[in-house]
N, C-alpha and C. Protein backbone atom coordinates (compact mmCIF):
# COMPACT_ATOMS: atom_id res chain seq x y z
N MET A 1 -18.37 237.78 -214.27
CA MET A 1 -19.78 238.13 -214.19
C MET A 1 -20.27 238.53 -215.59
N ALA A 2 -21.51 238.27 -215.88
CA ALA A 2 -22.08 238.57 -217.19
C ALA A 2 -22.19 240.08 -217.40
N VAL A 3 -22.24 240.46 -218.67
CA VAL A 3 -22.39 241.87 -219.02
C VAL A 3 -23.76 242.35 -218.55
N ARG A 4 -23.77 243.49 -217.92
CA ARG A 4 -25.01 244.07 -217.40
C ARG A 4 -25.89 244.50 -218.57
N LEU A 5 -27.16 244.18 -218.51
CA LEU A 5 -28.10 244.52 -219.58
C LEU A 5 -29.02 245.64 -219.13
N ILE A 6 -29.05 246.68 -219.93
CA ILE A 6 -29.93 247.82 -219.67
C ILE A 6 -30.87 247.95 -220.86
N LYS A 7 -32.15 248.03 -220.57
CA LYS A 7 -33.15 248.16 -221.63
C LYS A 7 -33.66 249.59 -221.67
N LYS A 8 -33.74 250.11 -222.89
CA LYS A 8 -34.28 251.46 -223.08
C LYS A 8 -35.68 251.31 -223.66
N TYR A 9 -36.64 251.91 -222.96
CA TYR A 9 -38.03 251.83 -223.38
C TYR A 9 -38.42 253.05 -224.20
N PRO A 10 -39.52 252.96 -224.97
CA PRO A 10 -39.94 254.08 -225.82
C PRO A 10 -40.17 255.39 -225.05
N ASN A 11 -40.49 255.29 -223.76
CA ASN A 11 -40.69 256.50 -222.97
C ASN A 11 -39.36 257.10 -222.51
N ARG A 12 -38.25 256.62 -223.09
CA ARG A 12 -36.89 257.09 -222.84
C ARG A 12 -36.34 256.67 -221.49
N ARG A 13 -37.04 255.79 -220.79
CA ARG A 13 -36.55 255.31 -219.50
C ARG A 13 -35.59 254.14 -219.71
N LEU A 14 -34.62 254.07 -218.83
CA LEU A 14 -33.62 253.01 -218.86
C LEU A 14 -33.88 252.06 -217.71
N TYR A 15 -33.89 250.77 -218.01
CA TYR A 15 -34.19 249.76 -216.99
C TYR A 15 -33.00 248.82 -216.85
N ASP A 16 -32.43 248.78 -215.64
CA ASP A 16 -31.30 247.91 -215.35
C ASP A 16 -31.85 246.54 -214.95
N THR A 17 -31.59 245.54 -215.78
CA THR A 17 -32.15 244.21 -215.52
C THR A 17 -31.45 243.52 -214.35
N ARG A 18 -30.24 243.93 -214.00
CA ARG A 18 -29.54 243.31 -212.87
C ARG A 18 -30.16 243.73 -211.54
N THR A 19 -30.49 245.03 -211.42
CA THR A 19 -31.05 245.53 -210.16
C THR A 19 -32.57 245.61 -210.19
N SER A 20 -33.16 245.37 -211.38
CA SER A 20 -34.61 245.48 -211.57
C SER A 20 -35.15 246.85 -211.16
N THR A 21 -34.41 247.88 -211.58
CA THR A 21 -34.81 249.25 -211.28
C THR A 21 -34.60 250.13 -212.51
N TYR A 22 -35.33 251.24 -212.54
CA TYR A 22 -35.09 252.25 -213.57
C TYR A 22 -33.89 253.07 -213.14
N ILE A 23 -33.05 253.44 -214.11
CA ILE A 23 -31.85 254.22 -213.82
C ILE A 23 -31.83 255.44 -214.73
N THR A 24 -30.94 256.35 -214.42
CA THR A 24 -30.79 257.58 -215.18
C THR A 24 -29.49 257.55 -215.98
N LEU A 25 -29.31 258.54 -216.84
CA LEU A 25 -28.03 258.66 -217.56
C LEU A 25 -26.88 258.86 -216.59
N SER A 26 -27.14 259.52 -215.49
CA SER A 26 -26.09 259.70 -214.46
C SER A 26 -25.66 258.35 -213.90
N ASP A 27 -26.62 257.46 -213.72
CA ASP A 27 -26.28 256.12 -213.24
C ASP A 27 -25.45 255.37 -214.27
N VAL A 28 -25.78 255.53 -215.54
CA VAL A 28 -25.00 254.88 -216.60
C VAL A 28 -23.59 255.46 -216.63
N LYS A 29 -23.48 256.77 -216.43
CA LYS A 29 -22.17 257.40 -216.39
C LYS A 29 -21.33 256.81 -215.25
N LYS A 30 -21.96 256.57 -214.11
CA LYS A 30 -21.24 255.95 -212.99
C LYS A 30 -20.74 254.55 -213.36
N LEU A 31 -21.56 253.81 -214.11
CA LEU A 31 -21.12 252.49 -214.56
C LEU A 31 -19.87 252.59 -215.43
N VAL A 32 -19.85 253.60 -216.29
CA VAL A 32 -18.68 253.82 -217.16
C VAL A 32 -17.45 254.14 -216.30
N LEU A 33 -17.62 255.06 -215.36
CA LEU A 33 -16.50 255.46 -214.52
C LEU A 33 -16.00 254.31 -213.65
N GLU A 34 -16.90 253.41 -213.28
CA GLU A 34 -16.53 252.24 -212.48
C GLU A 34 -16.04 251.08 -213.37
N GLN A 35 -15.98 251.33 -214.68
CA GLN A 35 -15.53 250.35 -215.67
C GLN A 35 -16.37 249.07 -215.64
N GLU A 36 -17.65 249.25 -215.41
CA GLU A 36 -18.61 248.14 -215.41
C GLU A 36 -19.01 247.85 -216.86
N SER A 37 -18.97 246.60 -217.27
CA SER A 37 -19.39 246.23 -218.62
C SER A 37 -20.91 246.19 -218.70
N PHE A 38 -21.45 246.84 -219.72
CA PHE A 38 -22.90 246.86 -219.89
C PHE A 38 -23.24 247.02 -221.36
N THR A 39 -24.46 246.67 -221.68
CA THR A 39 -25.01 246.86 -223.01
C THR A 39 -26.39 247.47 -222.86
N VAL A 40 -26.70 248.46 -223.69
CA VAL A 40 -28.02 249.07 -223.69
C VAL A 40 -28.73 248.62 -224.96
N ILE A 41 -29.91 248.05 -224.80
CA ILE A 41 -30.68 247.62 -225.97
C ILE A 41 -32.05 248.29 -225.98
N ASP A 42 -32.59 248.43 -227.16
CA ASP A 42 -33.96 248.91 -227.31
C ASP A 42 -34.88 247.79 -226.86
N ALA A 43 -35.74 248.06 -225.90
CA ALA A 43 -36.59 247.02 -225.34
C ALA A 43 -37.56 246.45 -226.36
N LYS A 44 -37.92 247.25 -227.34
CA LYS A 44 -38.91 246.80 -228.34
C LYS A 44 -38.25 246.03 -229.49
N THR A 45 -37.15 246.57 -230.02
CA THR A 45 -36.54 245.98 -231.22
C THR A 45 -35.34 245.09 -230.92
N GLY A 46 -34.72 245.29 -229.76
CA GLY A 46 -33.51 244.54 -229.43
C GLY A 46 -32.25 245.15 -230.02
N ASP A 47 -32.37 246.29 -230.70
CA ASP A 47 -31.20 246.96 -231.29
C ASP A 47 -30.24 247.40 -230.18
N ASP A 48 -28.96 247.34 -230.48
CA ASP A 48 -27.93 247.78 -229.53
C ASP A 48 -27.84 249.30 -229.56
N LEU A 49 -28.13 249.93 -228.43
CA LEU A 49 -28.12 251.40 -228.33
C LEU A 49 -26.97 251.92 -227.47
N THR A 50 -26.04 251.05 -227.13
CA THR A 50 -24.96 251.42 -226.21
C THR A 50 -24.21 252.65 -226.70
N ARG A 51 -23.81 252.65 -227.97
CA ARG A 51 -23.02 253.79 -228.49
C ARG A 51 -23.80 255.09 -228.43
N SER A 52 -25.09 255.05 -228.77
CA SER A 52 -25.87 256.29 -228.75
C SER A 52 -26.07 256.81 -227.33
N ILE A 53 -26.21 255.91 -226.36
CA ILE A 53 -26.34 256.32 -224.96
C ILE A 53 -25.03 256.94 -224.47
N LEU A 54 -23.91 256.33 -224.82
CA LEU A 54 -22.61 256.89 -224.43
C LEU A 54 -22.39 258.26 -225.07
N LEU A 55 -22.78 258.39 -226.32
CA LEU A 55 -22.67 259.69 -226.99
C LEU A 55 -23.53 260.73 -226.30
N GLN A 56 -24.72 260.35 -225.91
CA GLN A 56 -25.61 261.27 -225.20
C GLN A 56 -24.98 261.74 -223.89
N ILE A 57 -24.34 260.83 -223.17
CA ILE A 57 -23.67 261.20 -221.91
C ILE A 57 -22.54 262.19 -222.19
N ILE A 58 -21.76 261.93 -223.23
CA ILE A 58 -20.65 262.82 -223.59
C ILE A 58 -21.17 264.19 -223.98
N LEU A 59 -22.22 264.24 -224.80
CA LEU A 59 -22.77 265.52 -225.24
C LEU A 59 -23.34 266.32 -224.09
N GLU A 60 -24.00 265.66 -223.15
CA GLU A 60 -24.53 266.38 -221.99
C GLU A 60 -23.40 266.93 -221.13
N ALA A 61 -22.35 266.15 -220.95
CA ALA A 61 -21.20 266.61 -220.16
C ALA A 61 -20.53 267.80 -220.84
N GLU A 62 -20.40 267.73 -222.17
CA GLU A 62 -19.79 268.83 -222.92
C GLU A 62 -20.66 270.08 -222.83
N GLY A 63 -21.97 269.90 -222.91
CA GLY A 63 -22.88 271.04 -222.79
C GLY A 63 -22.76 271.71 -221.44
N ARG A 64 -22.67 270.91 -220.38
CA ARG A 64 -22.50 271.48 -219.04
C ARG A 64 -21.17 272.18 -218.91
N ARG A 65 -20.12 271.59 -219.49
CA ARG A 65 -18.79 272.20 -219.41
C ARG A 65 -18.79 273.56 -220.11
N ARG A 66 -19.41 273.63 -221.28
CA ARG A 66 -19.46 274.90 -222.01
C ARG A 66 -20.30 275.93 -221.26
N ALA A 67 -21.40 275.48 -220.65
CA ALA A 67 -22.24 276.40 -219.88
C ALA A 67 -21.45 276.96 -218.70
N ASP A 68 -20.64 276.12 -218.06
CA ASP A 68 -19.81 276.57 -216.93
C ASP A 68 -18.80 277.62 -217.39
N VAL A 69 -18.17 277.38 -218.53
CA VAL A 69 -17.19 278.33 -219.06
C VAL A 69 -17.87 279.66 -219.36
N LEU A 70 -19.01 279.61 -220.04
CA LEU A 70 -19.72 280.85 -220.37
C LEU A 70 -20.18 281.58 -219.12
N GLN A 71 -20.62 280.82 -218.12
CA GLN A 71 -21.08 281.46 -216.89
C GLN A 71 -19.93 282.15 -216.17
N ARG A 72 -18.75 281.52 -216.19
CA ARG A 72 -17.58 282.14 -215.54
C ARG A 72 -17.20 283.44 -216.24
N HIS A 73 -17.41 283.51 -217.55
CA HIS A 73 -17.01 284.69 -218.31
C HIS A 73 -18.17 285.67 -218.52
N ALA A 74 -19.34 285.34 -218.05
CA ALA A 74 -20.49 286.23 -218.22
C ALA A 74 -20.20 287.55 -217.52
N GLY A 75 -20.48 288.61 -218.22
CA GLY A 75 -20.28 289.92 -217.64
C GLY A 75 -18.86 290.43 -217.76
N THR A 76 -17.93 289.59 -218.25
CA THR A 76 -16.56 290.05 -218.43
C THR A 76 -16.45 290.67 -219.82
N ASP A 77 -15.45 291.47 -219.99
CA ASP A 77 -15.24 292.12 -221.29
C ASP A 77 -14.20 291.32 -222.06
N ASP A 78 -14.52 290.07 -222.35
CA ASP A 78 -13.61 289.17 -223.03
C ASP A 78 -13.86 289.25 -224.54
N PRO A 79 -12.93 289.83 -225.31
CA PRO A 79 -13.15 289.98 -226.75
C PRO A 79 -13.26 288.63 -227.47
N PHE A 80 -12.58 287.61 -226.98
CA PHE A 80 -12.66 286.29 -227.61
C PHE A 80 -14.09 285.76 -227.54
N LEU A 81 -14.72 285.88 -226.38
CA LEU A 81 -16.10 285.41 -226.23
C LEU A 81 -17.05 286.24 -227.08
N ARG A 82 -16.84 287.55 -227.12
CA ARG A 82 -17.70 288.41 -227.95
C ARG A 82 -17.59 288.00 -229.41
N HIS A 83 -16.37 287.74 -229.88
CA HIS A 83 -16.15 287.33 -231.27
C HIS A 83 -16.83 286.00 -231.53
N GLY A 84 -16.68 285.05 -230.61
CA GLY A 84 -17.30 283.73 -230.77
C GLY A 84 -18.81 283.83 -230.81
N ASP A 85 -19.38 284.67 -229.95
CA ASP A 85 -20.84 284.84 -229.92
C ASP A 85 -21.34 285.44 -231.23
N ALA A 86 -20.64 286.45 -231.73
CA ALA A 86 -21.05 287.09 -232.99
C ALA A 86 -20.96 286.10 -234.14
N ARG A 87 -19.89 285.33 -234.18
CA ARG A 87 -19.72 284.34 -235.24
C ARG A 87 -20.81 283.28 -235.16
N ARG A 88 -21.14 282.84 -233.96
CA ARG A 88 -22.18 281.83 -233.77
C ARG A 88 -23.54 282.38 -234.21
N ARG A 89 -23.84 283.64 -233.87
CA ARG A 89 -25.11 284.25 -234.29
C ARG A 89 -25.20 284.34 -235.81
N ARG A 90 -24.10 284.72 -236.47
CA ARG A 90 -24.10 284.80 -237.93
C ARG A 90 -24.32 283.42 -238.54
N SER A 91 -23.67 282.42 -237.98
CA SER A 91 -23.81 281.06 -238.49
C SER A 91 -25.24 280.56 -238.33
N ILE A 92 -25.82 280.78 -237.18
CA ILE A 92 -27.20 280.35 -236.94
C ILE A 92 -28.16 281.10 -237.86
N HIS A 93 -27.95 282.41 -237.99
CA HIS A 93 -28.82 283.21 -238.86
C HIS A 93 -28.72 282.72 -240.30
N GLY A 94 -27.49 282.42 -240.75
CA GLY A 94 -27.31 281.93 -242.12
C GLY A 94 -28.00 280.59 -242.34
N ARG A 95 -27.90 279.69 -241.37
CA ARG A 95 -28.57 278.39 -241.48
C ARG A 95 -30.09 278.54 -241.50
N GLN A 96 -30.61 279.42 -240.64
CA GLN A 96 -32.05 279.64 -240.61
C GLN A 96 -32.53 280.20 -241.94
N HIS A 97 -31.79 281.15 -242.47
CA HIS A 97 -32.16 281.77 -243.73
C HIS A 97 -32.17 280.73 -244.85
N ALA A 98 -31.11 279.92 -244.91
CA ALA A 98 -31.03 278.89 -245.95
C ALA A 98 -32.17 277.87 -245.79
N PHE A 99 -32.46 277.49 -244.56
CA PHE A 99 -33.51 276.52 -244.32
C PHE A 99 -34.87 277.06 -244.76
N PHE A 100 -35.19 278.27 -244.31
CA PHE A 100 -36.50 278.81 -244.64
C PHE A 100 -36.61 279.22 -246.11
N SER A 101 -35.52 279.67 -246.71
CA SER A 101 -35.54 280.00 -248.14
C SER A 101 -35.80 278.75 -248.96
N GLY A 102 -35.17 277.64 -248.60
CA GLY A 102 -35.37 276.38 -249.32
C GLY A 102 -36.77 275.86 -249.17
N HIS A 103 -37.36 276.04 -247.98
CA HIS A 103 -38.71 275.52 -247.74
C HIS A 103 -39.78 276.44 -248.33
N ALA A 104 -39.49 277.72 -248.44
CA ALA A 104 -40.48 278.63 -249.02
C ALA A 104 -40.71 278.29 -250.48
N GLY A 105 -39.64 277.93 -251.18
CA GLY A 105 -39.77 277.55 -252.59
C GLY A 105 -40.53 276.25 -252.77
N ALA A 106 -40.42 275.36 -251.79
CA ALA A 106 -41.08 274.06 -251.88
C ALA A 106 -42.59 274.19 -251.71
N ASP A 107 -43.03 275.23 -250.99
CA ASP A 107 -44.46 275.42 -250.76
C ASP A 107 -45.16 276.05 -251.95
N ALA A 108 -44.39 276.74 -252.76
CA ALA A 108 -44.99 277.46 -253.89
C ALA A 108 -45.46 276.55 -254.98
């Protein structure tokens, strides 16, 4: 059978040309798990977007996994999580400071 073609439109919707229906990232994930061959293309340009769609699915799954871990440990007195949170806050604060310091000089 031919490779399934999925078109991604500018409104971020995915259109499965085999079933003539709009599908979600969850549907694409099911195709992966079912080992169905498919290609995702930009409907306007024809560019192959398969890798970026697969990456998006992986990132969303990782985000949910991390949220589940944090939720399980919420309210616990876990020093590892406290250390990680403090380190993450410092990193974010440092990046924000560097970003805004660099842009403040550009406006002057």
